[in-house]
Amino acid sequence: MIVANVDTLVAHLDIPDYESQCGPYLDFAKEQEVSEETTTYPYRGIFLQTYPDRNQGRWHAVKSWIRNEDEKEENAISIEWRFNEKRSSHESIWPIEVIYRSRTCWARPFNELWGETIKVLQHIVADQKRLYTPDGELAVHSRISRVDIAVDSDEFQFIEKDRERFICRGRKTAAYETQRYTEETASSTYHSGQVFTGFTFGTGKIHVRIYNKFYEIMKKQSYKEDKHFFRDIWKSAGWDTDRDVWRTEVQLRREALRDFQYMDTEQTIADVSVFDAMAQAGALLPYLLGSWITLRQPTSNKNRSEWPLDPAWETMVNTVEATYGTTARLHLPPQFDRDRLAVELKGYLTAYAVAAGESSSRLLTLRLLRLLAQTFNREEIEMEDWMDAEIAKKAATTGRLLAKKKQIKETPENEILLDEFSGFDDCARSALDSVVLSTN
């Protein structure tokens, strides 16, 4: 069985009168970029988040968030933007960049994502009426710069020697037919420690990775880039979510899209709008998996390109277009899952307690801020303010707006509980534990 969808999409947009339309917003956005910290701010009815890591030269980066009335803030998904201060003199460089990351692509059908994209533009531009022609047609020009299409399957269990079974063919002609090929085996294999994790093919305008997605999710991901939601997708497909899932991921750059004809027209996928191109993305897969990269069944024939297709691979090629795409909203789990983080936190805290020489978990909790302050060479009150700022920053990266912290009332009991406990003997610790219990 397989599931397939766009996993990452990078697009560029242009609008009439760009500088006058986006100039007021850019002036406002620059005022928000007062530091390297991520901040969230309102602008004309929507909330936007600064993205300092992606600011570059005249490009200013920001995130917008998509929420539903029936979903909580922690389920929000984002669209990433970059706005150039000026339209380039080079016609090939368009002034607005939009990026849809993996979590976003899998969470919504693309027509919904595109609708949200236009909605954000309507808030940002000075006059939203100028986004449309007198006939009411959308005047936003768009094109794909890069698209990654992922195909997940529970039918394959690859090992390193399978690299010889793959045939990768560099296409030399346009449309969906090929007249001349160059053959190659996997250009690289990857390991994590002693575990084989995948292959890569191609170094040009088409790049293919075949890798163990289950291993990546379960062994390599952290809370910073949580992709456990894929297990929910696989579970809904009826898969055993404790079994390896291998992903075939095809990255197509704009140069590659020029080789694919758009339906029965003289245009290519690179020529048409993002919305139209995405509607045809699934139609690219039978060629990509049936000709450009194929898995073969070995025979005695020394010419590997004449080996027959692997039956499971052939089934994937024949069914991938029909199974492609997100057709319904996926209600994602929170990016920061409290239960899973609690399991990880337990491991870190117990190890930290041993390193700090603290045998009582209760006392460790009470001393934690002071211990951290010592490590980071800060005063305790300064450490508290710094941690509060980090919490707000991390909340902003997920689109959440946390309530302001409550003021902790200063009491003699608090002063006792926050005292330095190191050096106390077991009897003293037991007594202090009793004090803690009596105040709870």
Protein backbone atom coordinates (compact mmCIF):
# COMPACT_ATOMS: atom_id res chain seq x y z
CA MET A 1 0.00 0.00 0.00
CA ILE A 2 1.14 3.56 -0.61
CA VAL A 3 0.31 7.14 0.28
CA ALA A 4 1.66 10.03 -1.78
CA ASN A 5 1.62 13.80 -1.59
CA VAL A 6 3.69 16.92 -2.08
CA ASP A 7 5.99 17.15 0.93
CA THR A 8 7.58 20.57 0.33
CA LEU A 9 6.68 23.33 -2.10
CA VAL A 10 8.61 26.52 -2.85
CA ALA A 11 6.80 29.05 -5.02
CA HIS A 12 7.34 32.62 -6.16
CA LEU A 13 4.65 35.23 -6.68
CA ASP A 14 4.36 38.64 -8.32
CA ILE A 15 1.54 41.16 -8.14
CA PRO A 16 0.74 44.38 -10.03
CA ASP A 17 2.30 47.53 -8.54
CA TYR A 18 4.31 45.42 -6.12
CA GLU A 19 6.31 48.17 -4.42
CA SER A 20 3.35 50.45 -3.73
CA GLN A 21 1.20 47.49 -2.70
CA CYS A 22 3.69 45.89 -0.29
CA GLY A 23 5.79 48.94 0.64
CA PRO A 24 3.64 49.97 3.65
CA TYR A 25 3.77 46.44 5.05
CA LEU A 26 7.53 46.16 4.57
CA ASP A 27 8.06 49.46 6.40
CA PHE A 28 6.00 48.10 9.29
CA ALA A 29 7.76 44.71 9.20
CA LYS A 30 11.20 46.32 9.47
CA GLU A 31 10.11 48.01 12.69
CA GLN A 32 9.29 44.59 14.15
CA GLU A 33 12.74 43.20 13.31
CA VAL A 34 14.40 44.88 16.27
CA SER A 35 16.28 41.78 17.39
CA GLU A 36 17.18 38.25 16.39
CA GLU A 37 14.36 36.96 18.59
CA THR A 38 11.15 35.64 17.06
CA THR A 39 8.17 37.87 17.78
CA THR A 40 4.49 37.76 16.85
CA TYR A 41 2.62 40.91 15.86
CA PRO A 42 -0.80 41.88 14.48
CA TYR A 43 -1.13 43.48 11.07
CA ARG A 44 -4.44 44.52 9.58
CA GLY A 45 -6.45 41.76 11.19
CA ILE A 46 -3.98 38.85 11.07
CA PHE A 47 -1.10 37.72 13.26
CA LEU A 48 2.33 37.34 11.68
CA GLN A 49 5.58 36.06 13.14
CA THR A 50 9.04 37.36 12.38
CA TYR A 51 11.48 34.78 11.02
CA PRO A 52 14.97 36.26 11.59
CA ASP A 53 16.84 33.14 10.48
CA ARG A 54 15.58 33.58 6.90
CA ASN A 55 16.07 37.33 6.54
CA GLN A 56 18.71 37.93 3.89
CA GLY A 57 19.71 41.23 2.37
CA ARG A 58 16.58 42.87 1.00
CA TRP A 59 14.47 39.79 1.76
CA HIS A 60 12.27 39.96 4.87
CA ALA A 61 10.88 36.67 6.22
CA VAL A 62 7.66 36.08 8.12
CA LYS A 63 5.25 33.26 8.98
CA SER A 64 1.47 33.29 8.80
CA TRP A 65 -0.67 30.76 10.65
CA ILE A 66 -3.69 28.72 9.62
CA ARG A 67 -6.21 27.83 12.30
CA ASN A 68 -9.75 26.49 12.29
CA GLU A 69 -12.46 27.42 14.73
CA ASP A 70 -12.72 23.76 15.74
CA GLU A 71 -8.98 23.38 16.37
CA LYS A 72 -6.72 24.49 19.17
CA GLU A 73 -3.78 26.83 18.72
CA GLU A 74 -1.28 24.01 19.13
CA ASN A 75 -2.65 22.37 15.98
CA ALA A 76 -1.91 25.42 13.82
CA ILE A 77 0.11 25.07 10.64
CA SER A 78 2.21 27.75 9.02
CA ILE A 79 3.02 29.24 5.64
CA GLU A 80 6.45 30.84 5.29
CA TRP A 81 6.92 34.07 3.35
CA ARG A 82 9.75 36.27 2.15
CA PHE A 83 9.14 39.71 0.69
CA ASN A 84 11.78 41.62 -1.25
CA GLU A 85 12.05 45.35 -0.70
CA LYS A 86 12.00 45.97 -4.45
CA ARG A 87 11.06 44.16 -7.61
CA SER A 88 14.26 42.91 -9.26
CA SER A 89 15.37 44.16 -12.65
CA HIS A 90 15.81 40.49 -13.58
CA GLU A 91 12.54 39.10 -14.88
CA SER A 92 13.43 35.66 -13.54
CA ILE A 93 13.43 36.90 -9.92
CA TRP A 94 9.95 37.46 -8.49
CA PRO A 95 9.57 39.49 -5.27
CA ILE A 96 7.45 37.18 -3.09
CA GLU A 97 8.56 33.73 -1.96
CA VAL A 98 6.14 31.28 -0.34
CA ILE A 99 7.15 27.97 1.26
CA TYR A 100 4.82 25.19 2.34
CA ARG A 101 6.65 22.74 4.62
CA SER A 102 5.86 19.07 5.17
CA ARG A 103 3.43 19.45 8.09
CA THR A 104 1.46 22.06 6.16
CA CYS A 105 1.35 20.12 2.88
CA TRP A 106 -0.03 16.98 4.51
CA ALA A 107 -2.53 18.78 6.74
CA ARG A 108 -4.71 20.39 4.06
CA PRO A 109 -5.73 19.87 0.44
CA PHE A 110 -3.71 22.30 -1.63
CA ASN A 111 -6.73 24.25 -2.84
CA GLU A 112 -7.33 25.22 0.81
CA LEU A 113 -3.68 26.19 1.29
CA TRP A 114 -3.80 28.33 -1.83
CA GLY A 115 -6.95 30.03 -0.59
CA GLU A 116 -5.20 30.83 2.71
CA THR A 117 -2.23 32.18 0.75
CA ILE A 118 -4.40 34.63 -1.18
CA LYS A 119 -6.20 35.58 2.04
CA VAL A 120 -2.90 36.59 3.68
CA LEU A 121 -1.95 38.62 0.61
CA GLN A 122 -5.26 40.46 0.84
CA HIS A 123 -4.35 41.56 4.37
CA ILE A 124 -0.80 42.56 3.49
CA VAL A 125 -1.29 44.64 0.35
CA ALA A 126 -2.33 48.28 0.53
CA ASP A 127 -5.34 47.79 -1.77
CA GLN A 128 -6.69 44.24 -2.13
CA LYS A 129 -8.91 45.27 -5.04
CA ARG A 130 -5.78 45.60 -7.16
CA LEU A 131 -5.13 41.87 -6.69
CA TYR A 132 -7.94 41.31 -9.18
CA THR A 133 -8.63 42.32 -12.78
CA PRO A 134 -11.71 44.42 -13.68
CA ASP A 135 -13.37 41.11 -14.60
CA GLY A 136 -12.75 39.73 -11.13
CA GLU A 137 -9.94 37.36 -12.15
CA LEU A 138 -7.02 36.92 -9.77
CA ALA A 139 -4.08 39.07 -10.95
CA VAL A 140 -1.50 37.29 -8.79
CA HIS A 141 1.18 35.65 -10.94
CA SER A 142 2.69 32.49 -9.47
CA ARG A 143 5.06 29.68 -10.41
CA ILE A 144 6.75 26.73 -8.77
CA SER A 145 10.46 27.00 -8.01
CA ARG A 146 10.85 23.60 -6.33
CA VAL A 147 8.56 20.75 -5.39
CA ASP A 148 9.30 17.60 -3.38
CA ILE A 149 6.85 14.74 -3.93
CA ALA A 150 6.87 11.89 -1.40
CA VAL A 151 5.60 8.33 -1.85
CA ASP A 152 5.46 6.21 1.32
CA SER A 153 5.13 2.43 1.17
CA ASP A 154 5.03 -0.41 3.68
CA GLU A 155 5.75 -2.96 0.93
CA PHE A 156 9.54 -2.48 0.80
CA GLN A 157 12.27 -3.44 3.24
CA PHE A 158 15.48 -2.34 1.53
CA ILE A 159 18.99 -3.45 2.36
CA GLU A 160 22.23 -1.87 1.16
CA LYS A 161 22.92 -4.36 -1.63
CA ASP A 162 19.58 -3.40 -3.22
CA ARG A 163 21.34 -0.38 -4.70
CA GLU A 164 22.35 -2.57 -7.65
CA ARG A 165 18.67 -3.19 -8.41
CA PHE A 166 17.92 0.48 -9.05
CA ILE A 167 18.21 2.02 -12.50
CA CYS A 168 18.29 5.82 -12.61
CA ARG A 169 17.87 7.39 -16.03
CA GLY A 170 18.63 11.01 -16.81
CA ARG A 171 16.04 12.22 -19.25
CA LYS A 172 17.25 14.19 -22.28
CA THR A 173 13.97 15.05 -24.01
CA ALA A 174 10.79 16.86 -23.05
CA ALA A 175 7.25 15.75 -22.17
CA TYR A 176 6.67 12.24 -20.80
CA GLU A 177 8.60 10.27 -23.41
CA THR A 178 12.28 9.48 -23.33
CA GLN A 179 14.52 8.68 -26.25
CA ARG A 180 17.96 8.76 -24.69
CA TYR A 181 19.10 7.66 -21.24
CA THR A 182 22.14 7.64 -19.07
CA GLU A 183 22.26 4.89 -16.47
CA GLU A 184 23.65 5.05 -12.99
CA THR A 185 23.37 3.29 -9.67
CA ALA A 186 22.83 5.07 -6.39
CA SER A 187 25.27 7.95 -6.05
CA SER A 188 25.28 7.58 -2.25
CA THR A 189 24.11 5.28 0.50
CA TYR A 190 23.40 6.48 4.01
CA HIS A 191 23.85 5.01 7.46
CA SER A 192 23.01 6.10 10.99
CA GLY A 193 25.62 4.34 13.07
CA GLN A 194 25.49 0.73 11.87
CA VAL A 195 21.95 1.08 10.50
CA PHE A 196 21.49 1.40 6.74
CA THR A 197 18.95 4.18 6.11
CA GLY A 198 18.77 4.86 2.38
CA PHE A 199 20.02 5.85 -1.08
CA THR A 200 20.21 9.02 -3.16
CA PHE A 201 20.13 9.34 -6.94
CA GLY A 202 20.83 12.26 -9.24
CA THR A 203 22.67 15.51 -8.65
CA GLY A 204 20.99 17.79 -11.16
CA LYS A 205 17.53 19.18 -11.66
CA ILE A 206 15.94 15.93 -10.46
CA HIS A 207 17.10 14.45 -7.17
CA VAL A 208 15.70 11.27 -5.59
CA ARG A 209 16.06 10.04 -2.03
CA ILE A 210 14.86 6.60 -0.96
CA TYR A 211 15.08 6.26 2.80
CA ASN A 212 13.62 4.69 5.91
CA LYS A 213 11.03 7.26 6.98
CA PHE A 214 9.97 5.25 10.03
CA TYR A 215 13.55 5.26 11.30
CA GLU A 216 13.87 9.00 10.72
CA ILE A 217 10.72 9.70 12.72
CA MET A 218 11.36 7.34 15.61
CA LYS A 219 15.12 7.67 16.00
CA LYS A 220 16.26 11.03 14.66
CA GLN A 221 13.48 13.58 15.19
CA SER A 222 13.25 15.91 18.17
CA TYR A 223 10.55 18.21 19.44
CA LYS A 224 12.01 20.94 17.20
CA GLU A 225 10.86 19.15 14.06
CA ASP A 226 8.23 16.65 15.09
CA LYS A 227 6.95 14.42 12.29
CA HIS A 228 5.17 11.79 14.36
CA PHE A 229 1.95 12.82 12.61
CA PHE A 230 3.01 10.56 9.73
CA ARG A 231 2.22 7.58 11.92
CA ASP A 232 -1.39 8.82 12.07
CA ILE A 233 -1.45 9.00 8.27
CA TRP A 234 -0.07 5.48 7.97
CA LYS A 235 -2.45 4.18 10.62
CA SER A 236 -5.44 5.63 8.76
CA ALA A 237 -4.22 3.70 5.69
CA GLY A 238 -4.42 0.49 7.72
CA TRP A 239 -0.67 -0.02 8.12
CA ASP A 240 1.22 -1.57 11.00
CA THR A 241 2.72 1.59 12.51
CA ASP A 242 5.50 -0.36 14.22
CA ARG A 243 6.88 -1.57 10.89
CA ASP A 244 9.41 0.23 8.70
CA VAL A 245 7.99 2.56 6.07
CA TRP A 246 10.26 3.49 3.17
CA ARG A 247 9.86 6.80 1.40
CA THR A 248 10.70 7.60 -2.22
CA GLU A 249 11.08 11.37 -2.38
CA VAL A 250 11.54 13.12 -5.71
CA GLN A 251 12.77 16.72 -5.72
CA LEU A 252 12.04 18.65 -8.91
CA ARG A 253 13.56 22.05 -9.47
CA ARG A 254 12.16 24.57 -11.90
CA GLU A 255 14.53 23.45 -14.66
CA ALA A 256 13.06 19.93 -14.43
CA LEU A 257 9.48 21.19 -14.57
CA ARG A 258 10.25 22.74 -17.97
CA ASP A 259 10.54 19.19 -19.33
CA PHE A 260 6.96 18.27 -18.46
CA GLN A 261 4.12 19.25 -20.76
CA TYR A 262 1.06 20.78 -19.10
CA MET A 263 -1.90 18.65 -20.17
CA ASP A 264 -2.56 18.97 -23.94
CA THR A 265 -1.11 22.46 -24.31
CA GLU A 266 2.15 23.90 -25.55
CA GLN A 267 2.95 25.07 -22.02
CA THR A 268 5.06 23.22 -19.48
CA ILE A 269 4.44 22.72 -15.76
CA ALA A 270 6.99 25.49 -15.17
CA ASP A 271 4.91 27.96 -17.21
CA VAL A 272 1.56 27.66 -15.44
CA SER A 273 0.33 28.96 -12.10
CA VAL A 274 1.09 27.18 -8.85
CA PHE A 275 -2.56 26.20 -8.47
CA ASP A 276 -2.71 24.64 -11.96
CA ALA A 277 0.67 22.94 -11.61
CA MET A 278 -0.25 21.38 -8.28
CA ALA A 279 -3.42 19.98 -9.80
CA GLN A 280 -1.19 17.99 -12.19
CA ALA A 281 1.58 17.01 -9.75
CA GLY A 282 0.25 13.49 -9.30
CA ALA A 283 0.39 12.90 -13.05
CA LEU A 284 4.19 13.27 -12.96
CA LEU A 285 4.67 10.25 -10.70
CA PRO A 286 4.04 7.39 -13.18
CA TYR A 287 6.86 8.70 -15.37
CA LEU A 288 9.20 9.53 -12.49
CA LEU A 289 8.80 6.12 -10.83
CA GLY A 290 8.22 4.13 -14.01
CA SER A 291 11.09 5.47 -16.10
CA TRP A 292 13.39 7.93 -14.35
CA ILE A 293 14.02 5.77 -11.27
CA THR A 294 13.04 2.08 -11.23
CA LEU A 295 13.57 -0.97 -9.04
CA ARG A 296 14.40 -4.11 -11.05
CA GLN A 297 14.13 -7.84 -10.44
CA PRO A 298 17.59 -9.40 -11.03
CA THR A 299 18.01 -12.04 -13.75
CA SER A 300 21.01 -13.68 -15.40
CA ASN A 301 21.06 -10.89 -18.00
CA LYS A 302 24.18 -8.76 -17.53
CA ASN A 303 22.35 -5.69 -18.86
CA ARG A 304 20.61 -4.44 -15.73
CA SER A 305 18.38 -2.07 -17.70
CA GLU A 306 16.72 -5.12 -19.27
CA TRP A 307 15.82 -6.64 -15.92
CA PRO A 308 12.03 -6.62 -15.36
CA LEU A 309 10.43 -4.23 -12.91
CA ASP A 310 10.13 -5.46 -9.34
CA PRO A 311 6.46 -6.52 -8.93
CA ALA A 312 5.87 -4.38 -5.83
CA TRP A 313 7.47 -1.39 -7.55
CA GLU A 314 5.34 -1.96 -10.65
CA THR A 315 2.21 -2.00 -8.49
CA MET A 316 3.31 1.27 -6.93
CA VAL A 317 3.79 2.86 -10.37
CA ASN A 318 0.36 1.71 -11.52
CA THR A 319 -1.49 2.99 -8.46
CA VAL A 320 0.44 6.06 -7.35
CA GLU A 321 -1.47 8.65 -9.38
CA ALA A 322 -4.81 7.41 -8.06
CA THR A 323 -3.62 7.50 -4.44
CA TYR A 324 -1.84 10.85 -4.71
CA GLY A 325 -2.91 13.89 -2.75
CA THR A 326 -4.46 15.07 0.50
CA THR A 327 -8.21 15.11 -0.08
CA ALA A 328 -9.38 15.92 3.45
CA ARG A 329 -8.15 17.93 6.39
CA LEU A 330 -5.76 16.10 8.66
CA HIS A 331 -6.23 17.04 12.30
CA LEU A 332 -2.61 17.04 13.42
CA PRO A 333 -1.45 16.29 16.93
CA PRO A 334 0.27 19.21 18.68
CA GLN A 335 3.83 19.80 17.51
CA PHE A 336 4.87 19.83 21.18
CA ASP A 337 3.14 16.72 22.53
CA ARG A 338 3.05 16.98 26.32
CA ASP A 339 2.90 13.24 27.00
CA ARG A 340 5.81 12.38 24.73
CA LEU A 341 7.87 15.29 26.01
CA ALA A 342 7.20 14.11 29.57
CA VAL A 343 8.79 10.75 28.76
CA GLU A 344 11.87 12.48 27.33
CA LEU A 345 11.97 14.97 30.20
CA LYS A 346 11.98 12.18 32.78
CA GLY A 347 15.10 10.73 31.22
CA TYR A 348 16.89 14.08 31.09
CA LEU A 349 15.91 15.10 34.63
CA THR A 350 17.00 11.84 36.23
CA ALA A 351 20.36 12.03 34.45
CA TYR A 352 20.70 15.70 35.43
CA ALA A 353 19.91 14.82 39.06
CA VAL A 354 22.77 12.33 39.12
CA ALA A 355 25.12 14.89 37.57
CA ALA A 356 24.03 17.51 40.12
CA GLY A 357 24.35 15.09 43.05
CA GLU A 358 20.67 15.37 43.96
CA SER A 359 18.80 12.23 45.09
CA SER A 360 15.41 13.87 45.70
CA SER A 361 13.30 14.65 42.64
CA ARG A 362 11.28 17.15 44.67
CA LEU A 363 14.35 19.06 45.77
CA LEU A 364 15.79 18.90 42.25
CA THR A 365 12.66 20.58 40.93
CA LEU A 366 12.93 23.34 43.51
CA ARG A 367 16.63 23.88 42.84
CA LEU A 368 16.48 23.56 39.06
CA LEU A 369 16.38 27.25 38.16
CA ARG A 370 19.31 28.02 40.43
CA LEU A 371 21.34 25.12 39.05
CA LEU A 372 20.66 26.26 35.50
CA ALA A 373 21.66 29.80 36.42
CA GLN A 374 25.03 28.51 37.61
CA THR A 375 25.58 26.61 34.36
CA PHE A 376 24.70 29.63 32.21
CA ASN A 377 26.60 32.04 34.48
CA ARG A 378 23.55 34.16 35.28
CA GLU A 379 21.86 35.49 38.37
CA GLU A 380 18.82 33.46 39.37
CA ILE A 381 16.31 36.26 38.68
CA GLU A 382 18.03 36.94 35.35
CA MET A 383 17.79 33.24 34.53
CA GLU A 384 14.05 33.30 35.23
CA ASP A 385 13.49 36.22 32.87
CA TRP A 386 15.64 34.58 30.20
CA MET A 387 13.74 31.29 30.46
CA ASP A 388 10.41 33.15 30.28
CA ALA A 389 11.59 34.85 27.09
CA GLU A 390 12.67 31.48 25.64
CA ILE A 391 9.25 30.00 26.44
CA ALA A 392 7.53 32.87 24.65
CA LYS A 393 9.88 32.47 21.69
CA LYS A 394 9.24 28.73 21.42
CA ALA A 395 5.48 29.29 21.70
CA ALA A 396 5.69 31.76 18.83
CA THR A 397 7.37 29.18 16.59
CA THR A 398 4.20 27.06 16.81
CA GLY A 399 1.77 29.94 16.46
CA ARG A 400 0.67 29.84 20.09
CA LEU A 401 0.06 32.91 22.22
CA LEU A 402 0.48 31.92 25.87
CA ALA A 403 -1.19 33.80 28.70
CA LYS A 404 1.07 36.13 30.64
CA LYS A 405 2.78 34.49 33.59
CA LYS A 406 1.16 34.80 36.97
CA GLN A 407 3.02 36.65 39.68
CA ILE A 408 4.31 34.27 42.35
CA LYS A 409 3.55 35.65 45.77
CA GLU A 410 6.62 36.10 47.97
CA THR A 411 6.11 34.24 51.28
CA PRO A 412 8.43 32.97 54.01
CA GLU A 413 7.48 29.44 52.95
CA ASN A 414 8.64 30.14 49.39
CA GLU A 415 11.94 31.48 50.68
CA ILE A 416 12.47 28.25 52.64
CA LEU A 417 11.54 26.07 49.69
CA LEU A 418 13.84 27.95 47.33
CA ASP A 419 16.81 27.80 49.70
CA GLU A 420 20.01 26.03 48.73
CA PHE A 421 19.58 22.38 49.71
CA SER A 422 22.98 20.97 48.80
CA GLY A 423 24.95 19.52 51.68
CA PHE A 424 21.96 18.49 53.80
CA ASP A 425 21.99 15.02 55.30
CA ASP A 426 19.21 12.48 54.83
CA CYS A 427 17.35 13.54 57.98
CA ALA A 428 17.35 17.17 56.86
CA ARG A 429 16.09 16.16 53.43
CA SER A 430 13.24 14.17 54.99
CA ALA A 431 12.30 17.14 57.12
CA LEU A 432 12.31 19.47 54.13
CA ASP A 433 10.21 16.97 52.17
CA SER A 434 7.68 17.17 55.00
CA VAL A 435 7.69 20.97 54.75
CA VAL A 436 7.04 20.75 51.03
CA LEU A 437 4.19 18.29 51.49
CA SER A 438 2.56 20.41 54.19
CA THR A 439 2.55 23.49 51.95
CA ASN A 440 1.00 21.73 48.92
